[in-house]
Amino acid sequence: RFNPPFYLTGRDFVRYMLELYRAPY
């Protein structure tokens, strides 16, 4: 049951997740 923060854009969400994963955007 995946629900991203509703207020983030797709780019913001991917960028945020990659920062958590310590992977480059």
PDBML (XML) file of the C-alpha atoms, coordinates in Angstrom:
<?xml version="1.0" encoding="UTF-8" ?>
<PDBx:datablock datablockName="MODEL"
   xmlns:PDBx="http://pdbml.pdb.org/schema/pdbx-v50.xsd"
   xmlns:xsi="http://www.w3.org/2001/XMLSchema-instance"
   xsi:schemaLocation="http://pdbml.pdb.org/schema/pdbx-v50.xsd pdbx-v50.xsd">
   <PDBx:atom_siteCategory>
      <PDBx:atom_site id="1">
         <PDBx:B_iso_or_equiv>0.00</PDBx:B_iso_or_equiv>
         <PDBx:Cartn_x>0.000</PDBx:Cartn_x>
         <PDBx:Cartn_y>0.000</PDBx:Cartn_y>
         <PDBx:Cartn_z>0.000</PDBx:Cartn_z>
         <PDBx:auth_asym_id>A</PDBx:auth_asym_id>
         <PDBx:auth_atom_id>CA</PDBx:auth_atom_id>
         <PDBx:auth_comp_id>ARG</PDBx:auth_comp_id>
         <PDBx:auth_seq_id>1</PDBx:auth_seq_id>
         <PDBx:group_PDB>ATOM</PDBx:group_PDB>
         <PDBx:label_alt_id xsi:nil="true" />
         <PDBx:label_asym_id>A</PDBx:label_asym_id>
         <PDBx:label_atom_id>CA</PDBx:label_atom_id>
         <PDBx:label_comp_id>ARG</PDBx:label_comp_id>
         <PDBx:label_entity_id>1</PDBx:label_entity_id>
         <PDBx:label_seq_id>1</PDBx:label_seq_id>
         <PDBx:occupancy>1.00</PDBx:occupancy>
         <PDBx:pdbx_PDB_model_num>1</PDBx:pdbx_PDB_model_num>
         <PDBx:type_symbol>C</PDBx:type_symbol>
      </PDBx:atom_site>
      <PDBx:atom_site id="2">
         <PDBx:B_iso_or_equiv>0.00</PDBx:B_iso_or_equiv>
         <PDBx:Cartn_x>2.250</PDBx:Cartn_x>
         <PDBx:Cartn_y>2.730</PDBx:Cartn_y>
         <PDBx:Cartn_z>-1.333</PDBx:Cartn_z>
         <PDBx:auth_asym_id>A</PDBx:auth_asym_id>
         <PDBx:auth_atom_id>CA</PDBx:auth_atom_id>
         <PDBx:auth_comp_id>PHE</PDBx:auth_comp_id>
         <PDBx:auth_seq_id>2</PDBx:auth_seq_id>
         <PDBx:group_PDB>ATOM</PDBx:group_PDB>
         <PDBx:label_alt_id xsi:nil="true" />
         <PDBx:label_asym_id>A</PDBx:label_asym_id>
         <PDBx:label_atom_id>CA</PDBx:label_atom_id>
         <PDBx:label_comp_id>PHE</PDBx:label_comp_id>
         <PDBx:label_entity_id>1</PDBx:label_entity_id>
         <PDBx:label_seq_id>2</PDBx:label_seq_id>
         <PDBx:occupancy>1.00</PDBx:occupancy>
         <PDBx:pdbx_PDB_model_num>1</PDBx:pdbx_PDB_model_num>
         <PDBx:type_symbol>C</PDBx:type_symbol>
      </PDBx:atom_site>
      <PDBx:atom_site id="3">
         <PDBx:B_iso_or_equiv>0.00</PDBx:B_iso_or_equiv>
         <PDBx:Cartn_x>1.101</PDBx:Cartn_x>
         <PDBx:Cartn_y>6.313</PDBx:Cartn_y>
         <PDBx:Cartn_z>-0.772</PDBx:Cartn_z>
         <PDBx:auth_asym_id>A</PDBx:auth_asym_id>
         <PDBx:auth_atom_id>CA</PDBx:auth_atom_id>
         <PDBx:auth_comp_id>ASN</PDBx:auth_comp_id>
         <PDBx:auth_seq_id>3</PDBx:auth_seq_id>
         <PDBx:group_PDB>ATOM</PDBx:group_PDB>
         <PDBx:label_alt_id xsi:nil="true" />
         <PDBx:label_asym_id>A</PDBx:label_asym_id>
         <PDBx:label_atom_id>CA</PDBx:label_atom_id>
         <PDBx:label_comp_id>ASN</PDBx:label_comp_id>
         <PDBx:label_entity_id>1</PDBx:label_entity_id>
         <PDBx:label_seq_id>3</PDBx:label_seq_id>
         <PDBx:occupancy>1.00</PDBx:occupancy>
         <PDBx:pdbx_PDB_model_num>1</PDBx:pdbx_PDB_model_num>
         <PDBx:type_symbol>C</PDBx:type_symbol>
      </PDBx:atom_site>
      <PDBx:atom_site id="4">
         <PDBx:B_iso_or_equiv>0.00</PDBx:B_iso_or_equiv>
         <PDBx:Cartn_x>3.593</PDBx:Cartn_x>
         <PDBx:Cartn_y>9.120</PDBx:Cartn_y>
         <PDBx:Cartn_z>-1.431</PDBx:Cartn_z>
         <PDBx:auth_asym_id>A</PDBx:auth_asym_id>
         <PDBx:auth_atom_id>CA</PDBx:auth_atom_id>
         <PDBx:auth_comp_id>PRO</PDBx:auth_comp_id>
         <PDBx:auth_seq_id>4</PDBx:auth_seq_id>
         <PDBx:group_PDB>ATOM</PDBx:group_PDB>
         <PDBx:label_alt_id xsi:nil="true" />
         <PDBx:label_asym_id>A</PDBx:label_asym_id>
         <PDBx:label_atom_id>CA</PDBx:label_atom_id>
         <PDBx:label_comp_id>PRO</PDBx:label_comp_id>
         <PDBx:label_entity_id>1</PDBx:label_entity_id>
         <PDBx:label_seq_id>4</PDBx:label_seq_id>
         <PDBx:occupancy>1.00</PDBx:occupancy>
         <PDBx:pdbx_PDB_model_num>1</PDBx:pdbx_PDB_model_num>
         <PDBx:type_symbol>C</PDBx:type_symbol>
      </PDBx:atom_site>
      <PDBx:atom_site id="5">
         <PDBx:B_iso_or_equiv>0.00</PDBx:B_iso_or_equiv>
         <PDBx:Cartn_x>3.159</PDBx:Cartn_x>
         <PDBx:Cartn_y>12.482</PDBx:Cartn_y>
         <PDBx:Cartn_z>0.337</PDBx:Cartn_z>
         <PDBx:auth_asym_id>A</PDBx:auth_asym_id>
         <PDBx:auth_atom_id>CA</PDBx:auth_atom_id>
         <PDBx:auth_comp_id>PRO</PDBx:auth_comp_id>
         <PDBx:auth_seq_id>5</PDBx:auth_seq_id>
         <PDBx:group_PDB>ATOM</PDBx:group_PDB>
         <PDBx:label_alt_id xsi:nil="true" />
         <PDBx:label_asym_id>A</PDBx:label_asym_id>
         <PDBx:label_atom_id>CA</PDBx:label_atom_id>
         <PDBx:label_comp_id>PRO</PDBx:label_comp_id>
         <PDBx:label_entity_id>1</PDBx:label_entity_id>
         <PDBx:label_seq_id>5</PDBx:label_seq_id>
         <PDBx:occupancy>1.00</PDBx:occupancy>
         <PDBx:pdbx_PDB_model_num>1</PDBx:pdbx_PDB_model_num>
         <PDBx:type_symbol>C</PDBx:type_symbol>
      </PDBx:atom_site>
      <PDBx:atom_site id="6">
         <PDBx:B_iso_or_equiv>0.00</PDBx:B_iso_or_equiv>
         <PDBx:Cartn_x>0.303</PDBx:Cartn_x>
         <PDBx:Cartn_y>14.088</PDBx:Cartn_y>
         <PDBx:Cartn_z>-1.598</PDBx:Cartn_z>
         <PDBx:auth_asym_id>A</PDBx:auth_asym_id>
         <PDBx:auth_atom_id>CA</PDBx:auth_atom_id>
         <PDBx:auth_comp_id>PHE</PDBx:auth_comp_id>
         <PDBx:auth_seq_id>6</PDBx:auth_seq_id>
         <PDBx:group_PDB>ATOM</PDBx:group_PDB>
         <PDBx:label_alt_id xsi:nil="true" />
         <PDBx:label_asym_id>A</PDBx:label_asym_id>
         <PDBx:label_atom_id>CA</PDBx:label_atom_id>
         <PDBx:label_comp_id>PHE</PDBx:label_comp_id>
         <PDBx:label_entity_id>1</PDBx:label_entity_id>
         <PDBx:label_seq_id>6</PDBx:label_seq_id>
         <PDBx:occupancy>1.00</PDBx:occupancy>
         <PDBx:pdbx_PDB_model_num>1</PDBx:pdbx_PDB_model_num>
         <PDBx:type_symbol>C</PDBx:type_symbol>
      </PDBx:atom_site>
      <PDBx:atom_site id="7">
         <PDBx:B_iso_or_equiv>0.00</PDBx:B_iso_or_equiv>
         <PDBx:Cartn_x>1.929</PDBx:Cartn_x>
         <PDBx:Cartn_y>17.533</PDBx:Cartn_y>
         <PDBx:Cartn_z>-1.675</PDBx:Cartn_z>
         <PDBx:auth_asym_id>A</PDBx:auth_asym_id>
         <PDBx:auth_atom_id>CA</PDBx:auth_atom_id>
         <PDBx:auth_comp_id>TYR</PDBx:auth_comp_id>
         <PDBx:auth_seq_id>7</PDBx:auth_seq_id>
         <PDBx:group_PDB>ATOM</PDBx:group_PDB>
         <PDBx:label_alt_id xsi:nil="true" />
         <PDBx:label_asym_id>A</PDBx:label_asym_id>
         <PDBx:label_atom_id>CA</PDBx:label_atom_id>
         <PDBx:label_comp_id>TYR</PDBx:label_comp_id>
         <PDBx:label_entity_id>1</PDBx:label_entity_id>
         <PDBx:label_seq_id>7</PDBx:label_seq_id>
         <PDBx:occupancy>1.00</PDBx:occupancy>
         <PDBx:pdbx_PDB_model_num>1</PDBx:pdbx_PDB_model_num>
         <PDBx:type_symbol>C</PDBx:type_symbol>
      </PDBx:atom_site>
      <PDBx:atom_site id="8">
         <PDBx:B_iso_or_equiv>0.00</PDBx:B_iso_or_equiv>
         <PDBx:Cartn_x>5.187</PDBx:Cartn_x>
         <PDBx:Cartn_y>16.451</PDBx:Cartn_y>
         <PDBx:Cartn_z>-3.357</PDBx:Cartn_z>
         <PDBx:auth_asym_id>A</PDBx:auth_asym_id>
         <PDBx:auth_atom_id>CA</PDBx:auth_atom_id>
         <PDBx:auth_comp_id>LEU</PDBx:auth_comp_id>
         <PDBx:auth_seq_id>8</PDBx:auth_seq_id>
         <PDBx:group_PDB>ATOM</PDBx:group_PDB>
         <PDBx:label_alt_id xsi:nil="true" />
         <PDBx:label_asym_id>A</PDBx:label_asym_id>
         <PDBx:label_atom_id>CA</PDBx:label_atom_id>
         <PDBx:label_comp_id>LEU</PDBx:label_comp_id>
         <PDBx:label_entity_id>1</PDBx:label_entity_id>
         <PDBx:label_seq_id>8</PDBx:label_seq_id>
         <PDBx:occupancy>1.00</PDBx:occupancy>
         <PDBx:pdbx_PDB_model_num>1</PDBx:pdbx_PDB_model_num>
         <PDBx:type_symbol>C</PDBx:type_symbol>
      </PDBx:atom_site>
      <PDBx:atom_site id="9">
         <PDBx:B_iso_or_equiv>0.00</PDBx:B_iso_or_equiv>
         <PDBx:Cartn_x>5.651</PDBx:Cartn_x>
         <PDBx:Cartn_y>16.479</PDBx:Cartn_y>
         <PDBx:Cartn_z>-7.101</PDBx:Cartn_z>
         <PDBx:auth_asym_id>A</PDBx:auth_asym_id>
         <PDBx:auth_atom_id>CA</PDBx:auth_atom_id>
         <PDBx:auth_comp_id>THR</PDBx:auth_comp_id>
         <PDBx:auth_seq_id>9</PDBx:auth_seq_id>
         <PDBx:group_PDB>ATOM</PDBx:group_PDB>
         <PDBx:label_alt_id xsi:nil="true" />
         <PDBx:label_asym_id>A</PDBx:label_asym_id>
         <PDBx:label_atom_id>CA</PDBx:label_atom_id>
         <PDBx:label_comp_id>THR</PDBx:label_comp_id>
         <PDBx:label_entity_id>1</PDBx:label_entity_id>
         <PDBx:label_seq_id>9</PDBx:label_seq_id>
         <PDBx:occupancy>1.00</PDBx:occupancy>
         <PDBx:pdbx_PDB_model_num>1</PDBx:pdbx_PDB_model_num>
         <PDBx:type_symbol>C</PDBx:type_symbol>
      </PDBx:atom_site>
      <PDBx:atom_site id="10">
         <PDBx:B_iso_or_equiv>0.00</PDBx:B_iso_or_equiv>
         <PDBx:Cartn_x>6.924</PDBx:Cartn_x>
         <PDBx:Cartn_y>13.331</PDBx:Cartn_y>
         <PDBx:Cartn_z>-8.759</PDBx:Cartn_z>
         <PDBx:auth_asym_id>A</PDBx:auth_asym_id>
         <PDBx:auth_atom_id>CA</PDBx:auth_atom_id>
         <PDBx:auth_comp_id>GLY</PDBx:auth_comp_id>
         <PDBx:auth_seq_id>10</PDBx:auth_seq_id>
         <PDBx:group_PDB>ATOM</PDBx:group_PDB>
         <PDBx:label_alt_id xsi:nil="true" />
         <PDBx:label_asym_id>A</PDBx:label_asym_id>
         <PDBx:label_atom_id>CA</PDBx:label_atom_id>
         <PDBx:label_comp_id>GLY</PDBx:label_comp_id>
         <PDBx:label_entity_id>1</PDBx:label_entity_id>
         <PDBx:label_seq_id>10</PDBx:label_seq_id>
         <PDBx:occupancy>1.00</PDBx:occupancy>
         <PDBx:pdbx_PDB_model_num>1</PDBx:pdbx_PDB_model_num>
         <PDBx:type_symbol>C</PDBx:type_symbol>
      </PDBx:atom_site>
      <PDBx:atom_site id="11">
         <PDBx:B_iso_or_equiv>0.00</PDBx:B_iso_or_equiv>
         <PDBx:Cartn_x>10.362</PDBx:Cartn_x>
         <PDBx:Cartn_y>14.889</PDBx:Cartn_y>
         <PDBx:Cartn_z>-9.119</PDBx:Cartn_z>
         <PDBx:auth_asym_id>A</PDBx:auth_asym_id>
         <PDBx:auth_atom_id>CA</PDBx:auth_atom_id>
         <PDBx:auth_comp_id>ARG</PDBx:auth_comp_id>
         <PDBx:auth_seq_id>11</PDBx:auth_seq_id>
         <PDBx:group_PDB>ATOM</PDBx:group_PDB>
         <PDBx:label_alt_id xsi:nil="true" />
         <PDBx:label_asym_id>A</PDBx:label_asym_id>
         <PDBx:label_atom_id>CA</PDBx:label_atom_id>
         <PDBx:label_comp_id>ARG</PDBx:label_comp_id>
         <PDBx:label_entity_id>1</PDBx:label_entity_id>
         <PDBx:label_seq_id>11</PDBx:label_seq_id>
         <PDBx:occupancy>1.00</PDBx:occupancy>
         <PDBx:pdbx_PDB_model_num>1</PDBx:pdbx_PDB_model_num>
         <PDBx:type_symbol>C</PDBx:type_symbol>
      </PDBx:atom_site>
      <PDBx:atom_site id="12">
         <PDBx:B_iso_or_equiv>0.00</PDBx:B_iso_or_equiv>
         <PDBx:Cartn_x>10.465</PDBx:Cartn_x>
         <PDBx:Cartn_y>15.986</PDBx:Cartn_y>
         <PDBx:Cartn_z>-5.485</PDBx:Cartn_z>
         <PDBx:auth_asym_id>A</PDBx:auth_asym_id>
         <PDBx:auth_atom_id>CA</PDBx:auth_atom_id>
         <PDBx:auth_comp_id>ASP</PDBx:auth_comp_id>
         <PDBx:auth_seq_id>12</PDBx:auth_seq_id>
         <PDBx:group_PDB>ATOM</PDBx:group_PDB>
         <PDBx:label_alt_id xsi:nil="true" />
         <PDBx:label_asym_id>A</PDBx:label_asym_id>
         <PDBx:label_atom_id>CA</PDBx:label_atom_id>
         <PDBx:label_comp_id>ASP</PDBx:label_comp_id>
         <PDBx:label_entity_id>1</PDBx:label_entity_id>
         <PDBx:label_seq_id>12</PDBx:label_seq_id>
         <PDBx:occupancy>1.00</PDBx:occupancy>
         <PDBx:pdbx_PDB_model_num>1</PDBx:pdbx_PDB_model_num>
         <PDBx:type_symbol>C</PDBx:type_symbol>
      </PDBx:atom_site>
      <PDBx:atom_site id="13">
         <PDBx:B_iso_or_equiv>0.00</PDBx:B_iso_or_equiv>
         <PDBx:Cartn_x>9.464</PDBx:Cartn_x>
         <PDBx:Cartn_y>12.525</PDBx:Cartn_y>
         <PDBx:Cartn_z>-4.308</PDBx:Cartn_z>
         <PDBx:auth_asym_id>A</PDBx:auth_asym_id>
         <PDBx:auth_atom_id>CA</PDBx:auth_atom_id>
         <PDBx:auth_comp_id>PHE</PDBx:auth_comp_id>
         <PDBx:auth_seq_id>13</PDBx:auth_seq_id>
         <PDBx:group_PDB>ATOM</PDBx:group_PDB>
         <PDBx:label_alt_id xsi:nil="true" />
         <PDBx:label_asym_id>A</PDBx:label_asym_id>
         <PDBx:label_atom_id>CA</PDBx:label_atom_id>
         <PDBx:label_comp_id>PHE</PDBx:label_comp_id>
         <PDBx:label_entity_id>1</PDBx:label_entity_id>
         <PDBx:label_seq_id>13</PDBx:label_seq_id>
         <PDBx:occupancy>1.00</PDBx:occupancy>
         <PDBx:pdbx_PDB_model_num>1</PDBx:pdbx_PDB_model_num>
         <PDBx:type_symbol>C</PDBx:type_symbol>
      </PDBx:atom_site>
      <PDBx:atom_site id="14">
         <PDBx:B_iso_or_equiv>0.00</PDBx:B_iso_or_equiv>
         <PDBx:Cartn_x>12.051</PDBx:Cartn_x>
         <PDBx:Cartn_y>10.711</PDBx:Cartn_y>
         <PDBx:Cartn_z>-6.432</PDBx:Cartn_z>
         <PDBx:auth_asym_id>A</PDBx:auth_asym_id>
         <PDBx:auth_atom_id>CA</PDBx:auth_atom_id>
         <PDBx:auth_comp_id>VAL</PDBx:auth_comp_id>
         <PDBx:auth_seq_id>14</PDBx:auth_seq_id>
         <PDBx:group_PDB>ATOM</PDBx:group_PDB>
         <PDBx:label_alt_id xsi:nil="true" />
         <PDBx:label_asym_id>A</PDBx:label_asym_id>
         <PDBx:label_atom_id>CA</PDBx:label_atom_id>
         <PDBx:label_comp_id>VAL</PDBx:label_comp_id>
         <PDBx:label_entity_id>1</PDBx:label_entity_id>
         <PDBx:label_seq_id>14</PDBx:label_seq_id>
         <PDBx:occupancy>1.00</PDBx:occupancy>
         <PDBx:pdbx_PDB_model_num>1</PDBx:pdbx_PDB_model_num>
         <PDBx:type_symbol>C</PDBx:type_symbol>
      </PDBx:atom_site>
      <PDBx:atom_site id="15">
         <PDBx:B_iso_or_equiv>0.00</PDBx:B_iso_or_equiv>
         <PDBx:Cartn_x>14.744</PDBx:Cartn_x>
         <PDBx:Cartn_y>13.184</PDBx:Cartn_y>
         <PDBx:Cartn_z>-5.406</PDBx:Cartn_z>
         <PDBx:auth_asym_id>A</PDBx:auth_asym_id>
         <PDBx:auth_atom_id>CA</PDBx:auth_atom_id>
         <PDBx:auth_comp_id>ARG</PDBx:auth_comp_id>
         <PDBx:auth_seq_id>15</PDBx:auth_seq_id>
         <PDBx:group_PDB>ATOM</PDBx:group_PDB>
         <PDBx:label_alt_id xsi:nil="true" />
         <PDBx:label_asym_id>A</PDBx:label_asym_id>
         <PDBx:label_atom_id>CA</PDBx:label_atom_id>
         <PDBx:label_comp_id>ARG</PDBx:label_comp_id>
         <PDBx:label_entity_id>1</PDBx:label_entity_id>
         <PDBx:label_seq_id>15</PDBx:label_seq_id>
         <PDBx:occupancy>1.00</PDBx:occupancy>
         <PDBx:pdbx_PDB_model_num>1</PDBx:pdbx_PDB_model_num>
         <PDBx:type_symbol>C</PDBx:type_symbol>
      </PDBx:atom_site>
      <PDBx:atom_site id="16">
         <PDBx:B_iso_or_equiv>0.00</PDBx:B_iso_or_equiv>
         <PDBx:Cartn_x>13.827</PDBx:Cartn_x>
         <PDBx:Cartn_y>12.738</PDBx:Cartn_y>
         <PDBx:Cartn_z>-1.729</PDBx:Cartn_z>
         <PDBx:auth_asym_id>A</PDBx:auth_asym_id>
         <PDBx:auth_atom_id>CA</PDBx:auth_atom_id>
         <PDBx:auth_comp_id>TYR</PDBx:auth_comp_id>
         <PDBx:auth_seq_id>16</PDBx:auth_seq_id>
         <PDBx:group_PDB>ATOM</PDBx:group_PDB>
         <PDBx:label_alt_id xsi:nil="true" />
         <PDBx:label_asym_id>A</PDBx:label_asym_id>
         <PDBx:label_atom_id>CA</PDBx:label_atom_id>
         <PDBx:label_comp_id>TYR</PDBx:label_comp_id>
         <PDBx:label_entity_id>1</PDBx:label_entity_id>
         <PDBx:label_seq_id>16</PDBx:label_seq_id>
         <PDBx:occupancy>1.00</PDBx:occupancy>
         <PDBx:pdbx_PDB_model_num>1</PDBx:pdbx_PDB_model_num>
         <PDBx:type_symbol>C</PDBx:type_symbol>
      </PDBx:atom_site>
      <PDBx:atom_site id="17">
         <PDBx:B_iso_or_equiv>0.00</PDBx:B_iso_or_equiv>
         <PDBx:Cartn_x>13.835</PDBx:Cartn_x>
         <PDBx:Cartn_y>8.944</PDBx:Cartn_y>
         <PDBx:Cartn_z>-1.942</PDBx:Cartn_z>
         <PDBx:auth_asym_id>A</PDBx:auth_asym_id>
         <PDBx:auth_atom_id>CA</PDBx:auth_atom_id>
         <PDBx:auth_comp_id>MET</PDBx:auth_comp_id>
         <PDBx:auth_seq_id>17</PDBx:auth_seq_id>
         <PDBx:group_PDB>ATOM</PDBx:group_PDB>
         <PDBx:label_alt_id xsi:nil="true" />
         <PDBx:label_asym_id>A</PDBx:label_asym_id>
         <PDBx:label_atom_id>CA</PDBx:label_atom_id>
         <PDBx:label_comp_id>MET</PDBx:label_comp_id>
         <PDBx:label_entity_id>1</PDBx:label_entity_id>
         <PDBx:label_seq_id>17</PDBx:label_seq_id>
         <PDBx:occupancy>1.00</PDBx:occupancy>
         <PDBx:pdbx_PDB_model_num>1</PDBx:pdbx_PDB_model_num>
         <PDBx:type_symbol>C</PDBx:type_symbol>
      </PDBx:atom_site>
      <PDBx:atom_site id="18">
         <PDBx:B_iso_or_equiv>0.00</PDBx:B_iso_or_equiv>
         <PDBx:Cartn_x>17.169</PDBx:Cartn_x>
         <PDBx:Cartn_y>8.841</PDBx:Cartn_y>
         <PDBx:Cartn_z>-3.753</PDBx:Cartn_z>
         <PDBx:auth_asym_id>A</PDBx:auth_asym_id>
         <PDBx:auth_atom_id>CA</PDBx:auth_atom_id>
         <PDBx:auth_comp_id>LEU</PDBx:auth_comp_id>
         <PDBx:auth_seq_id>18</PDBx:auth_seq_id>
         <PDBx:group_PDB>ATOM</PDBx:group_PDB>
         <PDBx:label_alt_id xsi:nil="true" />
         <PDBx:label_asym_id>A</PDBx:label_asym_id>
         <PDBx:label_atom_id>CA</PDBx:label_atom_id>
         <PDBx:label_comp_id>LEU</PDBx:label_comp_id>
         <PDBx:label_entity_id>1</PDBx:label_entity_id>
         <PDBx:label_seq_id>18</PDBx:label_seq_id>
         <PDBx:occupancy>1.00</PDBx:occupancy>
         <PDBx:pdbx_PDB_model_num>1</PDBx:pdbx_PDB_model_num>
         <PDBx:type_symbol>C</PDBx:type_symbol>
      </PDBx:atom_site>
      <PDBx:atom_site id="19">
         <PDBx:B_iso_or_equiv>0.00</PDBx:B_iso_or_equiv>
         <PDBx:Cartn_x>18.633</PDBx:Cartn_x>
         <PDBx:Cartn_y>11.073</PDBx:Cartn_y>
         <PDBx:Cartn_z>-1.067</PDBx:Cartn_z>
         <PDBx:auth_asym_id>A</PDBx:auth_asym_id>
         <PDBx:auth_atom_id>CA</PDBx:auth_atom_id>
         <PDBx:auth_comp_id>GLU</PDBx:auth_comp_id>
         <PDBx:auth_seq_id>19</PDBx:auth_seq_id>
         <PDBx:group_PDB>ATOM</PDBx:group_PDB>
         <PDBx:label_alt_id xsi:nil="true" />
         <PDBx:label_asym_id>A</PDBx:label_asym_id>
         <PDBx:label_atom_id>CA</PDBx:label_atom_id>
         <PDBx:label_comp_id>GLU</PDBx:label_comp_id>
         <PDBx:label_entity_id>1</PDBx:label_entity_id>
         <PDBx:label_seq_id>19</PDBx:label_seq_id>
         <PDBx:occupancy>1.00</PDBx:occupancy>
         <PDBx:pdbx_PDB_model_num>1</PDBx:pdbx_PDB_model_num>
         <PDBx:type_symbol>C</PDBx:type_symbol>
      </PDBx:atom_site>
      <PDBx:atom_site id="20">
         <PDBx:B_iso_or_equiv>0.00</PDBx:B_iso_or_equiv>
         <PDBx:Cartn_x>17.446</PDBx:Cartn_x>
         <PDBx:Cartn_y>8.552</PDBx:Cartn_y>
         <PDBx:Cartn_z>1.542</PDBx:Cartn_z>
         <PDBx:auth_asym_id>A</PDBx:auth_asym_id>
         <PDBx:auth_atom_id>CA</PDBx:auth_atom_id>
         <PDBx:auth_comp_id>LEU</PDBx:auth_comp_id>
         <PDBx:auth_seq_id>20</PDBx:auth_seq_id>
         <PDBx:group_PDB>ATOM</PDBx:group_PDB>
         <PDBx:label_alt_id xsi:nil="true" />
         <PDBx:label_asym_id>A</PDBx:label_asym_id>
         <PDBx:label_atom_id>CA</PDBx:label_atom_id>
         <PDBx:label_comp_id>LEU</PDBx:label_comp_id>
         <PDBx:label_entity_id>1</PDBx:label_entity_id>
         <PDBx:label_seq_id>20</PDBx:label_seq_id>
         <PDBx:occupancy>1.00</PDBx:occupancy>
         <PDBx:pdbx_PDB_model_num>1</PDBx:pdbx_PDB_model_num>
         <PDBx:type_symbol>C</PDBx:type_symbol>
      </PDBx:atom_site>
      <PDBx:atom_site id="21">
         <PDBx:B_iso_or_equiv>0.00</PDBx:B_iso_or_equiv>
         <PDBx:Cartn_x>18.942</PDBx:Cartn_x>
         <PDBx:Cartn_y>5.742</PDBx:Cartn_y>
         <PDBx:Cartn_z>-0.534</PDBx:Cartn_z>
         <PDBx:auth_asym_id>A</PDBx:auth_asym_id>
         <PDBx:auth_atom_id>CA</PDBx:auth_atom_id>
         <PDBx:auth_comp_id>TYR</PDBx:auth_comp_id>
         <PDBx:auth_seq_id>21</PDBx:auth_seq_id>
         <PDBx:group_PDB>ATOM</PDBx:group_PDB>
         <PDBx:label_alt_id xsi:nil="true" />
         <PDBx:label_asym_id>A</PDBx:label_asym_id>
         <PDBx:label_atom_id>CA</PDBx:label_atom_id>
         <PDBx:label_comp_id>TYR</PDBx:label_comp_id>
         <PDBx:label_entity_id>1</PDBx:label_entity_id>
         <PDBx:label_seq_id>21</PDBx:label_seq_id>
         <PDBx:occupancy>1.00</PDBx:occupancy>
         <PDBx:pdbx_PDB_model_num>1</PDBx:pdbx_PDB_model_num>
         <PDBx:type_symbol>C</PDBx:type_symbol>
      </PDBx:atom_site>
      <PDBx:atom_site id="22">
         <PDBx:B_iso_or_equiv>0.00</PDBx:B_iso_or_equiv>
         <PDBx:Cartn_x>22.159</PDBx:Cartn_x>
         <PDBx:Cartn_y>7.780</PDBx:Cartn_y>
         <PDBx:Cartn_z>-0.867</PDBx:Cartn_z>
         <PDBx:auth_asym_id>A</PDBx:auth_asym_id>
         <PDBx:auth_atom_id>CA</PDBx:auth_atom_id>
         <PDBx:auth_comp_id>ARG</PDBx:auth_comp_id>
         <PDBx:auth_seq_id>22</PDBx:auth_seq_id>
         <PDBx:group_PDB>ATOM</PDBx:group_PDB>
         <PDBx:label_alt_id xsi:nil="true" />
         <PDBx:label_asym_id>A</PDBx:label_asym_id>
         <PDBx:label_atom_id>CA</PDBx:label_atom_id>
         <PDBx:label_comp_id>ARG</PDBx:label_comp_id>
         <PDBx:label_entity_id>1</PDBx:label_entity_id>
         <PDBx:label_seq_id>22</PDBx:label_seq_id>
         <PDBx:occupancy>1.00</PDBx:occupancy>
         <PDBx:pdbx_PDB_model_num>1</PDBx:pdbx_PDB_model_num>
         <PDBx:type_symbol>C</PDBx:type_symbol>
      </PDBx:atom_site>
      <PDBx:atom_site id="23">
         <PDBx:B_iso_or_equiv>0.00</PDBx:B_iso_or_equiv>
         <PDBx:Cartn_x>21.936</PDBx:Cartn_x>
         <PDBx:Cartn_y>7.496</PDBx:Cartn_y>
         <PDBx:Cartn_z>-4.623</PDBx:Cartn_z>
         <PDBx:auth_asym_id>A</PDBx:auth_asym_id>
         <PDBx:auth_atom_id>CA</PDBx:auth_atom_id>
         <PDBx:auth_comp_id>ALA</PDBx:auth_comp_id>
         <PDBx:auth_seq_id>23</PDBx:auth_seq_id>
         <PDBx:group_PDB>ATOM</PDBx:group_PDB>
         <PDBx:label_alt_id xsi:nil="true" />
         <PDBx:label_asym_id>A</PDBx:label_asym_id>
         <PDBx:label_atom_id>CA</PDBx:label_atom_id>
         <PDBx:label_comp_id>ALA</PDBx:label_comp_id>
         <PDBx:label_entity_id>1</PDBx:label_entity_id>
         <PDBx:label_seq_id>23</PDBx:label_seq_id>
         <PDBx:occupancy>1.00</PDBx:occupancy>
         <PDBx:pdbx_PDB_model_num>1</PDBx:pdbx_PDB_model_num>
         <PDBx:type_symbol>C</PDBx:type_symbol>
      </PDBx:atom_site>
      <PDBx:atom_site id="24">
         <PDBx:B_iso_or_equiv>0.00</PDBx:B_iso_or_equiv>
         <PDBx:Cartn_x>22.508</PDBx:Cartn_x>
         <PDBx:Cartn_y>10.350</PDBx:Cartn_y>
         <PDBx:Cartn_z>-7.095</PDBx:Cartn_z>
         <PDBx:auth_asym_id>A</PDBx:auth_asym_id>
         <PDBx:auth_atom_id>CA</PDBx:auth_atom_id>
         <PDBx:auth_comp_id>PRO</PDBx:auth_comp_id>
         <PDBx:auth_seq_id>24</PDBx:auth_seq_id>
         <PDBx:group_PDB>ATOM</PDBx:group_PDB>
         <PDBx:label_alt_id xsi:nil="true" />
         <PDBx:label_asym_id>A</PDBx:label_asym_id>
         <PDBx:label_atom_id>CA</PDBx:label_atom_id>
         <PDBx:label_comp_id>PRO</PDBx:label_comp_id>
         <PDBx:label_entity_id>1</PDBx:label_entity_id>
         <PDBx:label_seq_id>24</PDBx:label_seq_id>
         <PDBx:occupancy>1.00</PDBx:occupancy>
         <PDBx:pdbx_PDB_model_num>1</PDBx:pdbx_PDB_model_num>
         <PDBx:type_symbol>C</PDBx:type_symbol>
      </PDBx:atom_site>
      <PDBx:atom_site id="25">
         <PDBx:B_iso_or_equiv>0.00</PDBx:B_iso_or_equiv>
         <PDBx:Cartn_x>19.610</PDBx:Cartn_x>
         <PDBx:Cartn_y>12.043</PDBx:Cartn_y>
         <PDBx:Cartn_z>-8.844</PDBx:Cartn_z>
         <PDBx:auth_asym_id>A</PDBx:auth_asym_id>
         <PDBx:auth_atom_id>CA</PDBx:auth_atom_id>
         <PDBx:auth_comp_id>TYR</PDBx:auth_comp_id>
         <PDBx:auth_seq_id>25</PDBx:auth_seq_id>
         <PDBx:group_PDB>ATOM</PDBx:group_PDB>
         <PDBx:label_alt_id xsi:nil="true" />
         <PDBx:label_asym_id>A</PDBx:label_asym_id>
         <PDBx:label_atom_id>CA</PDBx:label_atom_id>
         <PDBx:label_comp_id>TYR</PDBx:label_comp_id>
         <PDBx:label_entity_id>1</PDBx:label_entity_id>
         <PDBx:label_seq_id>25</PDBx:label_seq_id>
         <PDBx:occupancy>1.00</PDBx:occupancy>
         <PDBx:pdbx_PDB_model_num>1</PDBx:pdbx_PDB_model_num>
         <PDBx:type_symbol>C</PDBx:type_symbol>
      </PDBx:atom_site>
   </PDBx:atom_siteCategory>
</PDBx:datablock>
